[in-house]
């Protein structure tokens, strides 16, 4: 028997096989192929969680930008799902696992596009993405860059503790810890500058093909993020323009006040780079 939800035929499950927060499917309705993100049924008994999730999903749907995956529909009980456009391509984690260092010009273009999406969210929704990591940056077969999963993971995580929203206790997955700012790990207030730091991590890893903080176990990842050396990408790879490297290292300053003040400031500096 074919599975369905919210009027969508669920064809193929993608992502983690036992996601604690969501089930993600390639689905169809009226011959249109989409991606459906469905709230885990085991979480729907918590009204506060469902309310936060629904609000986050609708805020994401309200945003229209070339670098943001478009939400087509948000449904309520009993399925609590959102349907979004399907991007044919790969996410950055898949690309990073198969490719060596990317060219500086390609990295600049990718990171500038992500910064444009995040800047738009900060300006129009007055909120951070909340789950920025390689899995949530998609590169389409046409070369376009789109960011996915705005707001919803953070809204659910607030009630489930599936990753690391505050002082790290050993719960959750170290891969997420590898894409958090020091202030988030320490339980301090996170803001736009925190995501600038995470975008710096992505840029560094794309340039070097090396994981910056993720050591494969949580204690090592935690220590690397808070205290480990942050070497310039040019220490590992030659040919990186000084201007691009300066942008990356400014984003990676452990002091929030020393980073760019806004995501838009970082984006403009990236756009100004001649590579």
C-alpha atoms as a PDB file:
ATOM      1  CA  UNK A   1       0.000   0.000   0.000  1.00  0.00           C
ATOM      2  CA  UNK A   2       1.398   3.363  -0.983  1.00  0.00           C
ATOM      3  CA  UNK A   3       1.934   5.869   1.837  1.00  0.00           C
ATOM      4  CA  UNK A   4       0.370   9.296   1.675  1.00  0.00           C
ATOM      5  CA  UNK A   5       0.082  12.402   3.831  1.00  0.00           C
ATOM      6  CA  UNK A   6      -1.662  15.715   3.350  1.00  0.00           C
ATOM      7  CA  UNK A   7      -2.799  14.699  -0.122  1.00  0.00           C
ATOM      8  CA  UNK A   8       0.758  13.859  -1.239  1.00  0.00           C
ATOM      9  CA  UNK A   9       1.900  10.438  -2.400  1.00  0.00           C
ATOM     10  CA  UNK A  10       5.090   9.631  -0.477  1.00  0.00           C
ATOM     11  CA  UNK A  11       7.397   7.934  -2.975  1.00  0.00           C
ATOM     12  CA  UNK A  12      10.871   7.757  -1.460  1.00  0.00           C
ATOM     13  CA  UNK A  13      12.211   8.525   1.976  1.00  0.00           C
ATOM     14  CA  UNK A  14      15.384  10.601   2.013  1.00  0.00           C
ATOM     15  CA  UNK A  15      17.657  11.828   4.764  1.00  0.00           C
ATOM     16  CA  UNK A  16      18.255   9.987   8.052  1.00  0.00           C
ATOM     17  CA  UNK A  17      16.231   6.744   8.229  1.00  0.00           C
ATOM     18  CA  UNK A  18      15.105   7.478  11.762  1.00  0.00           C
ATOM     19  CA  UNK A  19      15.071  11.235  12.024  1.00  0.00           C
ATOM     20  CA  UNK A  20      14.025  12.249  15.509  1.00  0.00           C
ATOM     21  CA  UNK A  21      12.378  15.480  14.440  1.00  0.00           C
ATOM     22  CA  UNK A  22      11.226  15.012  10.849  1.00  0.00           C
ATOM     23  CA  UNK A  23      10.565  12.495   8.111  1.00  0.00           C
ATOM     24  CA  UNK A  24      11.607  13.760   4.675  1.00  0.00           C
ATOM     25  CA  UNK A  25      10.173  12.324   1.475  1.00  0.00           C
ATOM     26  CA  UNK A  26      10.218  12.815  -2.259  1.00  0.00           C
ATOM     27  CA  UNK A  27       6.501  13.058  -2.982  1.00  0.00           C
ATOM     28  CA  UNK A  28       4.048  13.815  -5.758  1.00  0.00           C
ATOM     29  CA  UNK A  29       0.645  15.433  -6.106  1.00  0.00           C
ATOM     30  CA  UNK A  30      -1.094  16.206  -9.380  1.00  0.00           C
ATOM     31  CA  UNK A  31       1.987  14.942 -11.257  1.00  0.00           C
ATOM     32  CA  UNK A  32       4.216  17.496  -9.529  1.00  0.00           C
ATOM     33  CA  UNK A  33       7.275  16.205  -7.682  1.00  0.00           C
ATOM     34  CA  UNK A  34       8.108  17.954  -4.422  1.00  0.00           C
ATOM     35  CA  UNK A  35       9.918  17.310  -1.155  1.00  0.00           C
ATOM     36  CA  UNK A  36       7.734  16.818   1.906  1.00  0.00           C
ATOM     37  CA  UNK A  37       9.058  17.373   5.414  1.00  0.00           C
ATOM     38  CA  UNK A  38       6.713  15.757   7.930  1.00  0.00           C
ATOM     39  CA  UNK A  39       6.852  16.327  11.666  1.00  0.00           C
ATOM     40  CA  UNK A  40       7.625  13.108  13.534  1.00  0.00           C
ATOM     41  CA  UNK A  41       4.236  11.741  14.708  1.00  0.00           C
ATOM     42  CA  UNK A  42       5.709  11.060  18.140  1.00  0.00           C
ATOM     43  CA  UNK A  43       6.114  14.801  18.691  1.00  0.00           C
ATOM     44  CA  UNK A  44       2.657  15.988  17.723  1.00  0.00           C
ATOM     45  CA  UNK A  45       1.207  15.442  21.207  1.00  0.00           C
ATOM     46  CA  UNK A  46       3.099  18.502  22.482  1.00  0.00           C
ATOM     47  CA  UNK A  47       0.949  21.525  21.646  1.00  0.00           C
ATOM     48  CA  UNK A  48       3.692  24.056  22.389  1.00  0.00           C
ATOM     49  CA  UNK A  49       6.100  22.234  20.050  1.00  0.00           C
ATOM     50  CA  UNK A  50       3.503  21.999  17.292  1.00  0.00           C
ATOM     51  CA  UNK A  51       2.625  25.678  17.648  1.00  0.00           C
ATOM     52  CA  UNK A  52       6.281  26.725  17.439  1.00  0.00           C
ATOM     53  CA  UNK A  53       6.884  24.447  14.463  1.00  0.00           C
ATOM     54  CA  UNK A  54       3.809  25.720  12.594  1.00  0.00           C
ATOM     55  CA  UNK A  55       4.808  29.337  13.151  1.00  0.00           C
ATOM     56  CA  UNK A  56       8.365  28.643  11.957  1.00  0.00           C
ATOM     57  CA  UNK A  57       7.129  26.797   8.862  1.00  0.00           C
ATOM     58  CA  UNK A  58       4.825  29.664   7.904  1.00  0.00           C
ATOM     59  CA  UNK A  59       7.577  32.221   8.389  1.00  0.00           C
ATOM     60  CA  UNK A  60       9.763  30.200   6.040  1.00  0.00           C
ATOM     61  CA  UNK A  61       6.914  30.007   3.532  1.00  0.00           C
ATOM     62  CA  UNK A  62       6.554  33.793   3.593  1.00  0.00           C
ATOM     63  CA  UNK A  63      10.106  34.280   2.277  1.00  0.00           C
ATOM     64  CA  UNK A  64      10.694  34.407  -1.460  1.00  0.00           C
ATOM     65  CA  UNK A  65      14.304  34.694  -2.566  1.00  0.00           C
ATOM     66  CA  UNK A  66      16.363  33.168  -5.368  1.00  0.00           C
ATOM     67  CA  UNK A  67      18.672  31.466  -2.862  1.00  0.00           C
ATOM     68  CA  UNK A  68      15.979  30.099  -0.536  1.00  0.00           C
ATOM     69  CA  UNK A  69      14.138  26.838  -1.198  1.00  0.00           C
ATOM     70  CA  UNK A  70      10.497  27.785  -1.726  1.00  0.00           C
ATOM     71  CA  UNK A  71       7.825  26.336   0.556  1.00  0.00           C
ATOM     72  CA  UNK A  72       4.671  25.558  -1.404  1.00  0.00           C
ATOM     73  CA  UNK A  73       2.301  24.511   1.368  1.00  0.00           C
ATOM     74  CA  UNK A  74       2.127  24.089   5.141  1.00  0.00           C
ATOM     75  CA  UNK A  75      -0.531  21.792   6.606  1.00  0.00           C
ATOM     76  CA  UNK A  76      -1.799  21.328  10.143  1.00  0.00           C
ATOM     77  CA  UNK A  77      -3.229  18.256  11.928  1.00  0.00           C
ATOM     78  CA  UNK A  78      -3.060  15.386  11.497  1.00  0.00           C
ATOM     79  CA  UNK A  79       0.044  15.359   9.280  1.00  0.00           C
ATOM     80  CA  UNK A  80       1.873  18.581  10.168  1.00  0.00           C
ATOM     81  CA  UNK A  81       3.950  18.774   7.022  1.00  0.00           C
ATOM     82  CA  UNK A  82       5.411  21.294   4.665  1.00  0.00           C
ATOM     83  CA  UNK A  83       5.864  20.754   0.950  1.00  0.00           C
ATOM     84  CA  UNK A  84       8.733  22.477  -0.818  1.00  0.00           C
ATOM     85  CA  UNK A  85      10.212  22.689  -4.273  1.00  0.00           C
ATOM     86  CA  UNK A  86      12.569  19.864  -5.142  1.00  0.00           C
ATOM     87  CA  UNK A  87      16.102  20.935  -6.030  1.00  0.00           C
ATOM     88  CA  UNK A  88      17.796  18.467  -8.364  1.00  0.00           C
ATOM     89  CA  UNK A  89      21.407  18.411  -7.267  1.00  0.00           C
ATOM     90  CA  UNK A  90      23.527  17.731  -4.200  1.00  0.00           C
ATOM     91  CA  UNK A  91      23.995  19.270  -0.795  1.00  0.00           C
ATOM     92  CA  UNK A  92      27.347  20.601   0.365  1.00  0.00           C
ATOM     93  CA  UNK A  93      28.011  17.605   2.604  1.00  0.00           C
ATOM     94  CA  UNK A  94      27.749  15.288  -0.400  1.00  0.00           C
ATOM     95  CA  UNK A  95      29.990  17.553  -2.446  1.00  0.00           C
ATOM     96  CA  UNK A  96      32.561  17.869   0.344  1.00  0.00           C
ATOM     97  CA  UNK A  97      32.705  14.087   0.800  1.00  0.00           C
ATOM     98  CA  UNK A  98      33.556  13.453  -2.849  1.00  0.00           C
ATOM     99  CA  UNK A  99      35.551  16.444  -4.042  1.00  0.00           C
ATOM    100  CA  UNK A 100      38.871  17.931  -3.044  1.00  0.00           C
ATOM    101  CA  UNK A 101      39.314  21.640  -2.372  1.00  0.00           C
ATOM    102  CA  UNK A 102      36.990  23.745  -4.495  1.00  0.00           C
ATOM    103  CA  UNK A 103      38.332  26.649  -6.514  1.00  0.00           C
ATOM    104  CA  UNK A 104      38.377  30.004  -4.695  1.00  0.00           C
ATOM    105  CA  UNK A 105      36.053  31.498  -7.309  1.00  0.00           C
ATOM    106  CA  UNK A 106      33.484  28.739  -6.789  1.00  0.00           C
ATOM    107  CA  UNK A 107      33.726  28.988  -3.000  1.00  0.00           C
ATOM    108  CA  UNK A 108      33.261  32.749  -3.177  1.00  0.00           C
ATOM    109  CA  UNK A 109      30.154  32.314  -5.333  1.00  0.00           C
ATOM    110  CA  UNK A 110      28.627  29.640  -3.076  1.00  0.00           C
ATOM    111  CA  UNK A 111      29.288  31.481   0.178  1.00  0.00           C
ATOM    112  CA  UNK A 112      28.073  34.807  -1.243  1.00  0.00           C
ATOM    113  CA  UNK A 113      24.825  33.125  -2.326  1.00  0.00           C
ATOM    114  CA  UNK A 114      24.310  31.576   1.112  1.00  0.00           C
ATOM    115  CA  UNK A 115      25.057  34.936   2.713  1.00  0.00           C
ATOM    116  CA  UNK A 116      22.433  36.548   0.467  1.00  0.00           C
ATOM    117  CA  UNK A 117      19.805  34.054   1.643  1.00  0.00           C
ATOM    118  CA  UNK A 118      20.706  34.491   5.304  1.00  0.00           C
ATOM    119  CA  UNK A 119      20.838  38.272   5.017  1.00  0.00           C
ATOM    120  CA  UNK A 120      17.355  38.246   3.501  1.00  0.00           C
ATOM    121  CA  UNK A 121      16.055  36.138   6.402  1.00  0.00           C
ATOM    122  CA  UNK A 122      17.654  38.418   8.967  1.00  0.00           C
ATOM    123  CA  UNK A 123      16.197  41.514   7.326  1.00  0.00           C
ATOM    124  CA  UNK A 124      12.689  40.261   6.491  1.00  0.00           C
ATOM    125  CA  UNK A 125      12.001  37.755   9.271  1.00  0.00           C
ATOM    126  CA  UNK A 126      14.323  39.229  11.915  1.00  0.00           C
ATOM    127  CA  UNK A 127      15.574  35.741  12.641  1.00  0.00           C
ATOM    128  CA  UNK A 128      18.527  33.433  12.129  1.00  0.00           C
ATOM    129  CA  UNK A 129      18.301  30.231  10.104  1.00  0.00           C
ATOM    130  CA  UNK A 130      18.937  28.160  13.224  1.00  0.00           C
ATOM    131  CA  UNK A 131      20.390  25.040  11.583  1.00  0.00           C
ATOM    132  CA  UNK A 132      23.076  26.167   9.143  1.00  0.00           C
ATOM    133  CA  UNK A 133      25.272  23.240   8.085  1.00  0.00           C
ATOM    134  CA  UNK A 134      26.408  21.572   4.832  1.00  0.00           C
ATOM    135  CA  UNK A 135      23.294  19.379   4.585  1.00  0.00           C
ATOM    136  CA  UNK A 136      21.105  22.471   4.316  1.00  0.00           C
ATOM    137  CA  UNK A 137      22.926  24.140   1.418  1.00  0.00           C
ATOM    138  CA  UNK A 138      21.885  22.713  -1.943  1.00  0.00           C
ATOM    139  CA  UNK A 139      23.706  23.101  -5.252  1.00  0.00           C
ATOM    140  CA  UNK A 140      21.336  22.504  -8.149  1.00  0.00           C
ATOM    141  CA  UNK A 141      22.261  20.796 -11.390  1.00  0.00           C
ATOM    142  CA  UNK A 142      22.090  24.261 -12.954  1.00  0.00           C
ATOM    143  CA  UNK A 143      24.696  25.575 -10.506  1.00  0.00           C
ATOM    144  CA  UNK A 144      22.192  27.549  -8.459  1.00  0.00           C
ATOM    145  CA  UNK A 145      22.626  27.726  -4.690  1.00  0.00           C
ATOM    146  CA  UNK A 146      19.636  27.366  -2.365  1.00  0.00           C
ATOM    147  CA  UNK A 147      19.390  27.178   1.415  1.00  0.00           C
ATOM    148  CA  UNK A 148      16.781  24.912   2.996  1.00  0.00           C
ATOM    149  CA  UNK A 149      15.232  24.257   6.437  1.00  0.00           C
ATOM    150  CA  UNK A 150      14.845  27.794   7.724  1.00  0.00           C
ATOM    151  CA  UNK A 151      13.641  28.119  11.335  1.00  0.00           C
ATOM    152  CA  UNK A 152      11.855  24.747  11.697  1.00  0.00           C
ATOM    153  CA  UNK A 153      14.646  22.638  13.208  1.00  0.00           C
ATOM    154  CA  UNK A 154      15.397  25.246  15.836  1.00  0.00           C
ATOM    155  CA  UNK A 155      11.707  25.525  16.720  1.00  0.00           C
ATOM    156  CA  UNK A 156      11.412  21.772  17.307  1.00  0.00           C
ATOM    157  CA  UNK A 157      14.823  21.437  18.941  1.00  0.00           C
ATOM    158  CA  UNK A 158      13.731  23.864  21.615  1.00  0.00           C
ATOM    159  CA  UNK A 159      11.382  21.171  22.933  1.00  0.00           C
ATOM    160  CA  UNK A 160      13.308  17.992  22.099  1.00  0.00           C
ATOM    161  CA  UNK A 161      16.962  18.797  22.817  1.00  0.00           C
ATOM    162  CA  UNK A 162      18.035  16.668  19.849  1.00  0.00           C
ATOM    163  CA  UNK A 163      21.128  18.735  19.189  1.00  0.00           C
ATOM    164  CA  UNK A 164      23.001  21.260  21.263  1.00  0.00           C
ATOM    165  CA  UNK A 165      20.985  24.411  21.947  1.00  0.00           C
ATOM    166  CA  UNK A 166      22.959  25.466  25.018  1.00  0.00           C
ATOM    167  CA  UNK A 167      25.859  24.254  27.179  1.00  0.00           C
ATOM    168  CA  UNK A 168      26.996  20.978  25.650  1.00  0.00           C
ATOM    169  CA  UNK A 169      26.032  17.937  27.721  1.00  0.00           C
ATOM    170  CA  UNK A 170      27.064  15.162  25.395  1.00  0.00           C
ATOM    171  CA  UNK A 171      23.604  14.767  23.883  1.00  0.00           C
ATOM    172  CA  UNK A 172      22.956  15.100  20.203  1.00  0.00           C
ATOM    173  CA  UNK A 173      25.248  14.669  17.244  1.00  0.00           C
ATOM    174  CA  UNK A 174      28.793  15.968  17.081  1.00  0.00           C
ATOM    175  CA  UNK A 175      28.381  16.783  13.403  1.00  0.00           C
ATOM    176  CA  UNK A 176      26.027  19.587  14.403  1.00  0.00           C
ATOM    177  CA  UNK A 177      28.462  20.771  17.049  1.00  0.00           C
ATOM    178  CA  UNK A 178      31.031  21.153  14.276  1.00  0.00           C
ATOM    179  CA  UNK A 179      28.786  23.848  12.805  1.00  0.00           C
ATOM    180  CA  UNK A 180      28.062  26.000  15.822  1.00  0.00           C
ATOM    181  CA  UNK A 181      29.671  29.167  17.106  1.00  0.00           C
ATOM    182  CA  UNK A 182      31.616  29.167  20.381  1.00  0.00           C
ATOM    183  CA  UNK A 183      28.990  31.341  22.042  1.00  0.00           C
ATOM    184  CA  UNK A 184      26.241  28.865  21.151  1.00  0.00           C
ATOM    185  CA  UNK A 185      28.192  25.984  22.667  1.00  0.00           C
ATOM    186  CA  UNK A 186      28.727  27.996  25.838  1.00  0.00           C
ATOM    187  CA  UNK A 187      25.019  28.737  26.109  1.00  0.00           C
ATOM    188  CA  UNK A 188      25.402  32.428  25.395  1.00  0.00           C
ATOM    189  CA  UNK A 189      23.080  34.475  23.209  1.00  0.00           C
ATOM    190  CA  UNK A 190      23.364  33.620  19.520  1.00  0.00           C
ATOM    191  CA  UNK A 191      22.612  36.185  16.839  1.00  0.00           C
ATOM    192  CA  UNK A 192      23.396  37.034  13.238  1.00  0.00           C
ATOM    193  CA  UNK A 193      27.115  37.071  14.004  1.00  0.00           C
ATOM    194  CA  UNK A 194      26.885  33.463  15.184  1.00  0.00           C
ATOM    195  CA  UNK A 195      25.769  32.399  11.719  1.00  0.00           C
ATOM    196  CA  UNK A 196      28.556  34.483  10.206  1.00  0.00           C
ATOM    197  CA  UNK A 197      30.962  32.255  12.164  1.00  0.00           C
ATOM    198  CA  UNK A 198      29.263  29.104  10.844  1.00  0.00           C
ATOM    199  CA  UNK A 199      29.402  30.439   7.286  1.00  0.00           C
ATOM    200  CA  UNK A 200      33.115  30.975   7.863  1.00  0.00           C
ATOM    201  CA  UNK A 201      33.420  27.295   8.799  1.00  0.00           C
ATOM    202  CA  UNK A 202      31.725  26.275   5.561  1.00  0.00           C
ATOM    203  CA  UNK A 203      33.980  28.537   3.500  1.00  0.00           C
ATOM    204  CA  UNK A 204      37.126  27.228   5.206  1.00  0.00           C
ATOM    205  CA  UNK A 205      36.122  23.603   4.654  1.00  0.00           C
ATOM    206  CA  UNK A 206      35.232  24.150   1.002  1.00  0.00           C
ATOM    207  CA  UNK A 207      38.587  25.809   0.373  1.00  0.00           C
ATOM    208  CA  UNK A 208      40.662  23.151   2.150  1.00  0.00           C
ATOM    209  CA  UNK A 209      38.558  19.957   1.894  1.00  0.00           C
ATOM    210  CA  UNK A 210      39.330  19.471   5.590  1.00  0.00           C
ATOM    211  CA  UNK A 211      36.947  19.484   8.537  1.00  0.00           C
ATOM    212  CA  UNK A 212      37.761  22.512  10.656  1.00  0.00           C
ATOM    213  CA  UNK A 213      36.397  21.392  14.041  1.00  0.00           C
ATOM    214  CA  UNK A 214      34.651  18.035  13.638  1.00  0.00           C
ATOM    215  CA  UNK A 215      37.013  15.395  15.057  1.00  0.00           C
ATOM    216  CA  UNK A 216      34.600  12.466  14.947  1.00  0.00           C
ATOM    217  CA  UNK A 217      33.861  12.453  18.666  1.00  0.00           C
ATOM    218  CA  UNK A 218      32.097  15.081  20.714  1.00  0.00           C
ATOM    219  CA  UNK A 219      34.819  15.949  23.245  1.00  0.00           C
ATOM    220  CA  UNK A 220      37.419  16.546  20.537  1.00  0.00           C
ATOM    221  CA  UNK A 221      34.990  18.547  18.432  1.00  0.00           C
ATOM    222  CA  UNK A 222      34.017  20.656  21.437  1.00  0.00           C
ATOM    223  CA  UNK A 223      37.636  21.387  22.333  1.00  0.00           C
ATOM    224  CA  UNK A 224      38.578  22.208  18.734  1.00  0.00           C
ATOM    225  CA  UNK A 225      35.687  24.637  18.398  1.00  0.00           C
ATOM    226  CA  UNK A 226      36.396  26.465  21.643  1.00  0.00           C
ATOM    227  CA  UNK A 227      40.184  26.365  21.836  1.00  0.00           C
ATOM    228  CA  UNK A 228      41.789  24.743  18.804  1.00  0.00           C
ATOM    229  CA  UNK A 229      43.879  26.700  16.297  1.00  0.00           C
ATOM    230  CA  UNK A 230      42.069  28.193  13.324  1.00  0.00           C
ATOM    231  CA  UNK A 231      44.701  28.188  10.610  1.00  0.00           C
ATOM    232  CA  UNK A 232      44.448  30.231   7.457  1.00  0.00           C
ATOM    233  CA  UNK A 233      43.207  28.142   4.508  1.00  0.00           C
ATOM    234  CA  UNK A 234      46.386  29.064   2.611  1.00  0.00           C
ATOM    235  CA  UNK A 235      48.354  26.963   5.102  1.00  0.00           C
ATOM    236  CA  UNK A 236      46.772  23.904   3.472  1.00  0.00           C
ATOM    237  CA  UNK A 237      46.065  25.036  -0.090  1.00  0.00           C
ATOM    238  CA  UNK A 238      47.936  27.427  -2.344  1.00  0.00           C
ATOM    239  CA  UNK A 239      46.373  29.982  -4.643  1.00  0.00           C
ATOM    240  CA  UNK A 240      43.777  31.416  -2.271  1.00  0.00           C
ATOM    241  CA  UNK A 241      43.453  35.193  -2.803  1.00  0.00           C
ATOM    242  CA  UNK A 242      44.354  37.284   0.234  1.00  0.00           C
ATOM    243  CA  UNK A 243      41.087  39.209   0.120  1.00  0.00           C
ATOM    244  CA  UNK A 244      38.961  36.063   0.180  1.00  0.00           C
ATOM    245  CA  UNK A 245      41.034  34.579   2.975  1.00  0.00           C
ATOM    246  CA  UNK A 246      40.689  37.782   4.992  1.00  0.00           C
ATOM    247  CA  UNK A 247      36.889  37.567   4.731  1.00  0.00           C
ATOM    248  CA  UNK A 248      36.926  33.944   5.908  1.00  0.00           C
ATOM    249  CA  UNK A 249      39.231  34.623   8.849  1.00  0.00           C
ATOM    250  CA  UNK A 250      37.218  37.654   9.970  1.00  0.00           C
ATOM    251  CA  UNK A 251      34.080  35.505   9.980  1.00  0.00           C
ATOM    252  CA  UNK A 252      35.929  32.901  12.063  1.00  0.00           C
ATOM    253  CA  UNK A 253      37.016  35.235  14.845  1.00  0.00           C
ATOM    254  CA  UNK A 254      35.953  33.673  18.161  1.00  0.00           C
ATOM    255  CA  UNK A 255      34.919  37.093  19.436  1.00  0.00           C
ATOM    256  CA  UNK A 256      31.510  38.012  17.954  1.00  0.00           C
ATOM    257  CA  UNK A 257      32.333  41.725  18.117  1.00  0.00           C
ATOM    258  CA  UNK A 258      35.366  41.174  15.862  1.00  0.00           C
ATOM    259  CA  UNK A 259      33.348  39.509  13.092  1.00  0.00           C
ATOM    260  CA  UNK A 260      31.307  41.311  10.471  1.00  0.00           C
ATOM    261  CA  UNK A 261      28.465  43.262  12.006  1.00  0.00           C
ATOM    262  CA  UNK A 262      25.892  41.864   9.584  1.00  0.00           C
ATOM    263  CA  UNK A 263      25.592  39.079   7.051  1.00  0.00           C
ATOM    264  CA  UNK A 264      25.028  41.710   4.374  1.00  0.00           C
ATOM    265  CA  UNK A 265      28.400  43.278   5.148  1.00  0.00           C
ATOM    266  CA  UNK A 266      30.056  39.906   4.632  1.00  0.00           C
ATOM    267  CA  UNK A 267      28.131  39.314   1.411  1.00  0.00           C
ATOM    268  CA  UNK A 268      29.139  42.656  -0.066  1.00  0.00           C
ATOM    269  CA  UNK A 269      32.811  42.036   0.689  1.00  0.00           C
ATOM    270  CA  UNK A 270      32.583  38.632  -0.976  1.00  0.00           C
ATOM    271  CA  UNK A 271      30.926  40.149  -4.039  1.00  0.00           C
ATOM    272  CA  UNK A 272      33.721  42.715  -4.256  1.00  0.00           C
ATOM    273  CA  UNK A 273      36.412  40.030  -4.495  1.00  0.00           C
ATOM    274  CA  UNK A 274      37.989  39.769  -7.936  1.00  0.00           C
ATOM    275  CA  UNK A 275      39.136  36.186  -8.472  1.00  0.00           C
END
